[in-house]
N, C-alpha and C. Protein backbone atom coordinates (compact mmCIF):
# COMPACT_ATOMS: atom_id res chain seq x y z
N MET A 1 -8.83 -22.45 -56.14
CA MET A 1 -7.85 -22.71 -55.07
C MET A 1 -7.79 -21.49 -54.11
N PRO A 2 -7.91 -21.90 -52.72
CA PRO A 2 -7.87 -20.70 -51.89
C PRO A 2 -6.48 -20.10 -51.69
N ASP A 3 -6.45 -18.85 -51.22
CA ASP A 3 -5.08 -18.31 -50.98
C ASP A 3 -4.37 -19.11 -49.79
N ARG A 4 -3.08 -19.25 -49.99
CA ARG A 4 -2.40 -20.10 -48.94
C ARG A 4 -1.00 -19.66 -48.92
N VAL A 5 -0.31 -20.09 -47.81
CA VAL A 5 1.15 -19.88 -47.64
C VAL A 5 1.68 -21.18 -46.89
N PRO A 6 2.83 -21.66 -47.22
CA PRO A 6 3.33 -22.82 -46.45
C PRO A 6 3.43 -22.39 -45.01
N ALA A 7 2.97 -23.34 -44.12
CA ALA A 7 3.04 -23.10 -42.75
C ALA A 7 4.48 -22.92 -42.24
N THR A 8 5.42 -23.60 -42.93
CA THR A 8 6.85 -23.43 -42.51
C THR A 8 7.43 -22.00 -42.77
N ASP A 9 6.74 -21.32 -43.71
CA ASP A 9 7.05 -19.96 -43.96
C ASP A 9 6.42 -18.83 -43.10
N LEU A 10 5.70 -19.35 -42.09
CA LEU A 10 5.05 -18.47 -41.32
C LEU A 10 5.20 -18.73 -39.80
N PRO A 11 6.34 -18.61 -39.27
CA PRO A 11 6.57 -18.83 -37.85
C PRO A 11 6.04 -17.68 -37.08
N PRO A 12 5.98 -17.77 -35.79
CA PRO A 12 5.38 -16.72 -34.88
C PRO A 12 6.10 -15.47 -35.15
N GLY A 13 5.35 -14.47 -35.36
CA GLY A 13 5.87 -13.11 -35.60
C GLY A 13 6.03 -12.76 -37.05
N ALA A 14 5.68 -13.72 -37.86
CA ALA A 14 5.89 -13.49 -39.23
C ALA A 14 4.76 -12.97 -40.05
N VAL A 15 4.86 -12.39 -41.21
CA VAL A 15 3.88 -11.93 -42.12
C VAL A 15 4.23 -12.31 -43.56
N ARG A 16 3.30 -12.89 -44.19
CA ARG A 16 3.66 -13.43 -45.51
C ARG A 16 2.50 -13.08 -46.60
N PRO A 17 2.81 -12.86 -47.82
CA PRO A 17 1.65 -12.72 -48.76
C PRO A 17 1.00 -13.82 -49.20
N ALA A 18 -0.38 -13.82 -49.52
CA ALA A 18 -1.14 -14.93 -50.03
C ALA A 18 -2.28 -14.25 -50.89
N GLY A 19 -1.96 -14.22 -52.13
CA GLY A 19 -2.83 -13.37 -53.03
C GLY A 19 -3.05 -12.02 -52.51
N PRO A 20 -4.25 -11.63 -52.31
CA PRO A 20 -4.62 -10.27 -51.92
C PRO A 20 -4.53 -10.04 -50.45
N TRP A 21 -3.98 -11.04 -49.70
CA TRP A 21 -3.93 -11.09 -48.21
C TRP A 21 -2.51 -10.96 -47.68
N ALA A 22 -2.43 -10.24 -46.55
CA ALA A 22 -1.27 -10.38 -45.70
C ALA A 22 -1.62 -11.36 -44.60
N VAL A 23 -0.94 -12.55 -44.58
CA VAL A 23 -1.13 -13.51 -43.42
C VAL A 23 -0.26 -13.31 -42.35
N VAL A 24 -0.75 -13.23 -41.16
CA VAL A 24 0.05 -12.88 -39.89
C VAL A 24 -0.10 -13.97 -38.87
N ASN A 25 1.02 -14.36 -38.35
CA ASN A 25 1.11 -15.16 -37.15
C ASN A 25 1.64 -14.43 -36.03
N THR A 26 0.65 -14.04 -35.10
CA THR A 26 1.12 -13.19 -33.97
C THR A 26 1.77 -14.05 -32.92
N GLY A 27 1.80 -15.37 -33.03
CA GLY A 27 2.23 -16.25 -32.06
C GLY A 27 1.13 -16.92 -31.28
N ASP A 28 0.00 -16.15 -31.10
CA ASP A 28 -1.26 -16.61 -30.48
C ASP A 28 -2.20 -17.01 -31.40
N ARG A 29 -2.20 -16.40 -32.56
CA ARG A 29 -3.29 -16.79 -33.56
C ARG A 29 -2.86 -16.37 -35.02
N LEU A 30 -3.61 -16.99 -35.85
CA LEU A 30 -3.38 -16.71 -37.33
C LEU A 30 -4.45 -15.77 -37.80
N SER A 31 -4.23 -14.85 -38.67
CA SER A 31 -5.18 -14.05 -39.36
C SER A 31 -4.68 -13.58 -40.68
N ALA A 32 -5.67 -13.00 -41.47
CA ALA A 32 -5.47 -12.54 -42.74
C ALA A 32 -6.12 -11.09 -42.93
N VAL A 33 -5.33 -10.18 -43.40
CA VAL A 33 -5.98 -8.77 -43.73
C VAL A 33 -5.54 -8.47 -45.05
N SER A 34 -6.36 -7.45 -45.68
CA SER A 34 -6.06 -6.98 -46.99
C SER A 34 -4.65 -6.31 -47.03
N ARG A 35 -3.95 -6.31 -48.10
CA ARG A 35 -2.53 -6.06 -48.06
C ARG A 35 -2.22 -4.60 -48.13
N ARG A 36 -3.15 -3.68 -48.55
CA ARG A 36 -2.68 -2.32 -48.68
C ARG A 36 -3.11 -1.40 -47.42
N CYS A 37 -1.85 -0.75 -47.06
CA CYS A 37 -2.04 0.14 -45.77
C CYS A 37 -3.06 1.29 -46.26
N ARG A 38 -3.81 1.76 -45.36
CA ARG A 38 -4.82 2.78 -45.63
C ARG A 38 -4.06 4.17 -45.68
N HIS A 39 -2.87 4.22 -45.43
CA HIS A 39 -2.13 5.51 -45.44
C HIS A 39 -1.58 5.81 -46.90
N GLN A 40 -0.64 5.21 -47.24
CA GLN A 40 -0.11 5.38 -48.62
C GLN A 40 0.03 4.08 -49.55
N LEU A 41 -0.71 3.01 -49.06
CA LEU A 41 -0.88 1.86 -49.88
C LEU A 41 0.38 0.97 -49.89
N ALA A 42 1.06 1.03 -48.88
CA ALA A 42 2.29 0.11 -48.75
C ALA A 42 1.74 -1.33 -48.70
N ASP A 43 2.52 -2.20 -49.04
CA ASP A 43 2.19 -3.66 -49.01
C ASP A 43 2.46 -4.23 -47.62
N LEU A 44 1.30 -4.47 -46.91
CA LEU A 44 1.43 -4.91 -45.49
C LEU A 44 1.99 -6.32 -45.35
N ALA A 45 2.09 -7.03 -46.49
CA ALA A 45 2.79 -8.27 -46.47
C ALA A 45 4.13 -8.13 -46.24
N GLU A 46 4.79 -7.04 -46.44
CA GLU A 46 6.16 -6.70 -46.03
C GLU A 46 6.28 -6.19 -44.73
N GLY A 47 5.26 -6.10 -44.01
CA GLY A 47 5.35 -5.53 -42.61
C GLY A 47 5.85 -6.56 -41.55
N SER A 48 5.62 -6.12 -40.32
CA SER A 48 6.05 -6.90 -39.23
C SER A 48 5.01 -7.07 -38.10
N VAL A 49 5.23 -7.86 -37.16
CA VAL A 49 4.31 -7.91 -36.01
C VAL A 49 5.15 -7.46 -34.72
N ASP A 50 4.51 -6.63 -34.07
CA ASP A 50 5.04 -5.91 -32.91
C ASP A 50 4.76 -6.71 -31.63
N ALA A 51 5.24 -6.28 -30.49
CA ALA A 51 5.13 -7.10 -29.26
C ALA A 51 3.67 -7.05 -28.84
N ASP A 52 2.89 -6.25 -29.29
CA ASP A 52 1.40 -6.24 -28.84
C ASP A 52 0.68 -7.08 -29.92
N GLY A 53 1.19 -7.74 -30.83
CA GLY A 53 0.63 -8.46 -31.83
C GLY A 53 -0.20 -7.70 -32.95
N CYS A 54 0.31 -6.47 -33.06
CA CYS A 54 -0.29 -5.66 -34.10
C CYS A 54 0.58 -5.75 -35.40
N LEU A 55 -0.09 -5.72 -36.64
CA LEU A 55 0.62 -5.58 -37.90
C LEU A 55 1.11 -4.15 -38.00
N VAL A 56 2.39 -4.06 -38.36
CA VAL A 56 3.07 -2.81 -38.47
C VAL A 56 3.54 -2.55 -39.99
N CYS A 57 2.99 -1.37 -40.52
CA CYS A 57 3.28 -1.07 -41.80
C CYS A 57 4.72 -0.85 -42.06
N PRO A 58 5.38 -1.42 -43.16
CA PRO A 58 6.80 -1.21 -43.35
C PRO A 58 7.23 0.13 -43.81
N TRP A 59 6.30 1.02 -44.18
CA TRP A 59 6.76 2.40 -44.64
C TRP A 59 6.80 3.34 -43.58
N HIS A 60 5.67 3.59 -42.73
CA HIS A 60 5.55 4.66 -41.83
C HIS A 60 4.96 4.09 -40.48
N GLN A 61 5.07 2.87 -40.18
CA GLN A 61 4.80 2.21 -38.99
C GLN A 61 3.41 2.47 -38.50
N ALA A 62 2.44 2.68 -39.33
CA ALA A 62 1.02 2.58 -38.79
C ALA A 62 0.79 1.18 -38.30
N ARG A 63 -0.01 1.12 -37.19
CA ARG A 63 -0.15 -0.22 -36.66
C ARG A 63 -1.69 -0.68 -36.73
N TYR A 64 -1.93 -1.77 -37.11
CA TYR A 64 -3.27 -2.48 -37.33
C TYR A 64 -3.53 -3.58 -36.38
N ASP A 65 -4.79 -3.65 -35.81
CA ASP A 65 -5.37 -4.74 -35.09
C ASP A 65 -5.71 -5.85 -36.16
N THR A 66 -5.17 -6.96 -36.09
CA THR A 66 -5.52 -7.96 -37.15
C THR A 66 -6.73 -8.67 -36.92
N SER A 67 -7.35 -8.47 -35.89
CA SER A 67 -8.69 -9.18 -35.52
C SER A 67 -9.83 -8.28 -36.04
N THR A 68 -9.67 -6.96 -36.12
CA THR A 68 -10.64 -6.05 -36.63
C THR A 68 -10.26 -5.18 -37.84
N GLY A 69 -8.97 -5.14 -38.21
CA GLY A 69 -8.63 -4.34 -39.38
C GLY A 69 -8.48 -2.92 -39.06
N GLU A 70 -8.71 -2.67 -37.75
CA GLU A 70 -8.69 -1.09 -37.40
C GLU A 70 -7.26 -0.66 -37.28
N MET A 71 -6.90 0.50 -37.78
CA MET A 71 -5.67 1.24 -37.53
C MET A 71 -5.66 1.74 -36.06
N VAL A 72 -4.72 1.14 -35.26
CA VAL A 72 -4.82 1.59 -33.84
C VAL A 72 -3.62 2.75 -33.52
N THR A 73 -2.66 2.75 -34.41
CA THR A 73 -1.72 3.98 -34.23
C THR A 73 -1.48 4.39 -35.74
N GLY A 74 -1.55 5.76 -35.89
CA GLY A 74 -1.44 6.35 -37.17
C GLY A 74 0.09 6.29 -37.66
N PRO A 75 0.24 6.62 -38.84
CA PRO A 75 1.68 6.65 -39.45
C PRO A 75 2.56 7.63 -38.75
N ARG A 76 3.88 7.38 -38.87
CA ARG A 76 5.00 8.28 -38.37
C ARG A 76 5.71 8.91 -39.58
N GLY A 77 5.00 9.60 -40.26
CA GLY A 77 5.61 10.24 -41.51
C GLY A 77 4.67 10.31 -42.61
N PHE A 78 5.30 10.73 -43.74
CA PHE A 78 4.57 11.08 -45.06
C PHE A 78 5.49 11.08 -46.11
N LEU A 79 5.10 10.33 -47.26
CA LEU A 79 6.08 10.13 -48.38
C LEU A 79 7.40 9.72 -47.95
N GLY A 80 8.52 10.53 -48.20
CA GLY A 80 9.99 10.13 -47.70
C GLY A 80 10.31 10.58 -46.26
N TRP A 81 9.33 11.34 -45.75
CA TRP A 81 9.59 11.91 -44.29
C TRP A 81 9.26 10.78 -43.22
N HIS A 82 10.25 10.62 -42.34
CA HIS A 82 9.84 9.72 -41.24
C HIS A 82 10.08 10.59 -39.88
N GLY A 83 9.01 10.96 -39.32
CA GLY A 83 9.00 11.67 -38.15
C GLY A 83 7.53 12.22 -37.73
N PRO A 84 7.46 13.12 -36.73
CA PRO A 84 6.13 13.51 -36.29
C PRO A 84 5.35 14.34 -37.36
N THR A 85 4.16 14.02 -37.32
CA THR A 85 3.20 14.68 -38.19
C THR A 85 1.70 14.74 -37.51
N PRO A 86 1.72 15.40 -36.43
CA PRO A 86 0.57 15.16 -35.38
C PRO A 86 -0.91 15.32 -36.11
N GLY A 87 -1.23 16.44 -36.73
CA GLY A 87 -2.52 16.61 -37.43
C GLY A 87 -2.76 15.72 -38.48
N TYR A 88 -1.80 15.47 -39.36
CA TYR A 88 -1.93 14.55 -40.39
C TYR A 88 -2.09 13.10 -39.97
N THR A 89 -1.37 12.79 -38.89
CA THR A 89 -1.47 11.42 -38.45
C THR A 89 -2.76 11.10 -37.78
N THR A 90 -3.39 12.19 -37.19
CA THR A 90 -4.67 11.98 -36.51
C THR A 90 -5.76 11.90 -37.68
N LEU A 91 -5.63 12.52 -38.63
CA LEU A 91 -6.61 12.43 -39.82
C LEU A 91 -6.55 11.02 -40.44
N VAL A 92 -5.20 10.46 -40.74
CA VAL A 92 -5.13 9.30 -41.36
C VAL A 92 -5.66 8.10 -40.25
N ARG A 93 -5.36 8.30 -39.05
CA ARG A 93 -5.74 7.38 -38.13
C ARG A 93 -7.32 7.22 -38.03
N TRP A 94 -8.03 8.36 -38.12
CA TRP A 94 -9.36 8.37 -38.13
C TRP A 94 -9.95 7.63 -39.37
N PHE A 95 -9.37 7.91 -40.61
CA PHE A 95 -9.67 7.33 -41.77
C PHE A 95 -9.39 5.79 -41.72
N GLY A 96 -8.35 5.32 -41.06
CA GLY A 96 -8.05 3.87 -40.95
C GLY A 96 -9.02 3.18 -39.86
N GLN A 97 -9.66 4.06 -39.14
CA GLN A 97 -10.62 3.34 -38.20
C GLN A 97 -12.00 3.27 -38.89
N VAL A 98 -12.34 4.19 -39.84
CA VAL A 98 -13.49 4.09 -40.71
C VAL A 98 -13.41 3.05 -41.77
N ALA A 99 -12.25 3.17 -42.46
CA ALA A 99 -12.01 2.37 -43.63
C ALA A 99 -10.98 1.25 -43.23
N ARG A 100 -11.50 0.35 -42.44
CA ARG A 100 -10.69 -0.71 -41.89
C ARG A 100 -10.12 -1.65 -42.92
N LEU A 101 -9.10 -2.44 -42.68
CA LEU A 101 -8.72 -3.38 -43.51
C LEU A 101 -9.71 -4.52 -43.52
N ARG A 102 -9.86 -5.21 -44.68
CA ARG A 102 -10.77 -6.33 -44.77
C ARG A 102 -10.00 -7.54 -43.90
N VAL A 103 -10.72 -8.29 -43.19
CA VAL A 103 -10.27 -9.22 -42.39
C VAL A 103 -10.80 -10.66 -42.70
N ARG A 104 -10.06 -11.62 -42.78
CA ARG A 104 -10.36 -13.03 -43.05
C ARG A 104 -9.70 -13.96 -42.00
N ARG A 105 -10.35 -15.02 -41.86
CA ARG A 105 -9.76 -16.07 -40.98
C ARG A 105 -8.71 -16.89 -41.78
N ALA A 106 -7.61 -17.15 -41.01
CA ALA A 106 -6.55 -17.95 -41.62
C ALA A 106 -6.46 -19.26 -40.75
N VAL A 107 -6.37 -20.50 -41.30
CA VAL A 107 -6.32 -21.72 -40.46
C VAL A 107 -5.13 -22.59 -41.14
N ARG A 108 -4.67 -23.42 -40.26
CA ARG A 108 -3.76 -24.37 -40.72
C ARG A 108 -4.40 -25.51 -41.23
N ARG A 109 -4.09 -25.91 -42.49
CA ARG A 109 -4.55 -27.25 -43.01
C ARG A 109 -3.38 -27.94 -43.64
N GLY A 110 -3.03 -29.02 -42.97
CA GLY A 110 -1.92 -29.73 -43.39
C GLY A 110 -0.59 -29.03 -43.35
N ASP A 111 0.00 -28.92 -44.45
CA ASP A 111 1.32 -28.11 -44.59
C ASP A 111 1.08 -26.60 -44.83
N ASP A 112 -0.09 -26.20 -44.97
CA ASP A 112 -0.42 -24.83 -45.40
C ASP A 112 -1.21 -24.08 -44.39
N VAL A 113 -1.05 -22.72 -44.48
CA VAL A 113 -2.02 -21.86 -43.78
C VAL A 113 -2.89 -21.26 -44.88
N VAL A 114 -4.27 -21.46 -44.72
CA VAL A 114 -5.23 -21.17 -45.75
C VAL A 114 -6.13 -20.03 -45.28
N VAL A 115 -6.30 -19.00 -46.26
CA VAL A 115 -7.23 -17.87 -45.90
C VAL A 115 -8.62 -18.40 -46.28
N GLU A 116 -9.41 -18.31 -45.29
CA GLU A 116 -10.96 -18.75 -45.65
C GLU A 116 -11.78 -17.57 -45.95
N GLY A 117 -12.84 -17.84 -46.67
CA GLY A 117 -13.83 -16.78 -47.03
C GLY A 117 -13.55 -16.19 -48.28
């Protein structure tokens, strides 16, 4: 059985878990990415969608393009610290561009949104 989430649980701007995937509804499209942030492995299914349609990590606000899995903005903190970490953030962002999130197509099928692939 494919990974799925009820469509009623995924309104525009929502992120929900579906097996190993964080399913995202940007308002313009549905997508699914692997659930672990490349920074400190936070569960991206607990993240949010920003005004640009990026998936935002719930721990340190790293931002991901859900169509490519690339980290477009690095984290704003480390462990319990929330604030500027310029050199560290640059290093993590580079890693997030190289080791992108896995991306899958998510489609609506009946009452569910299904992760394909």
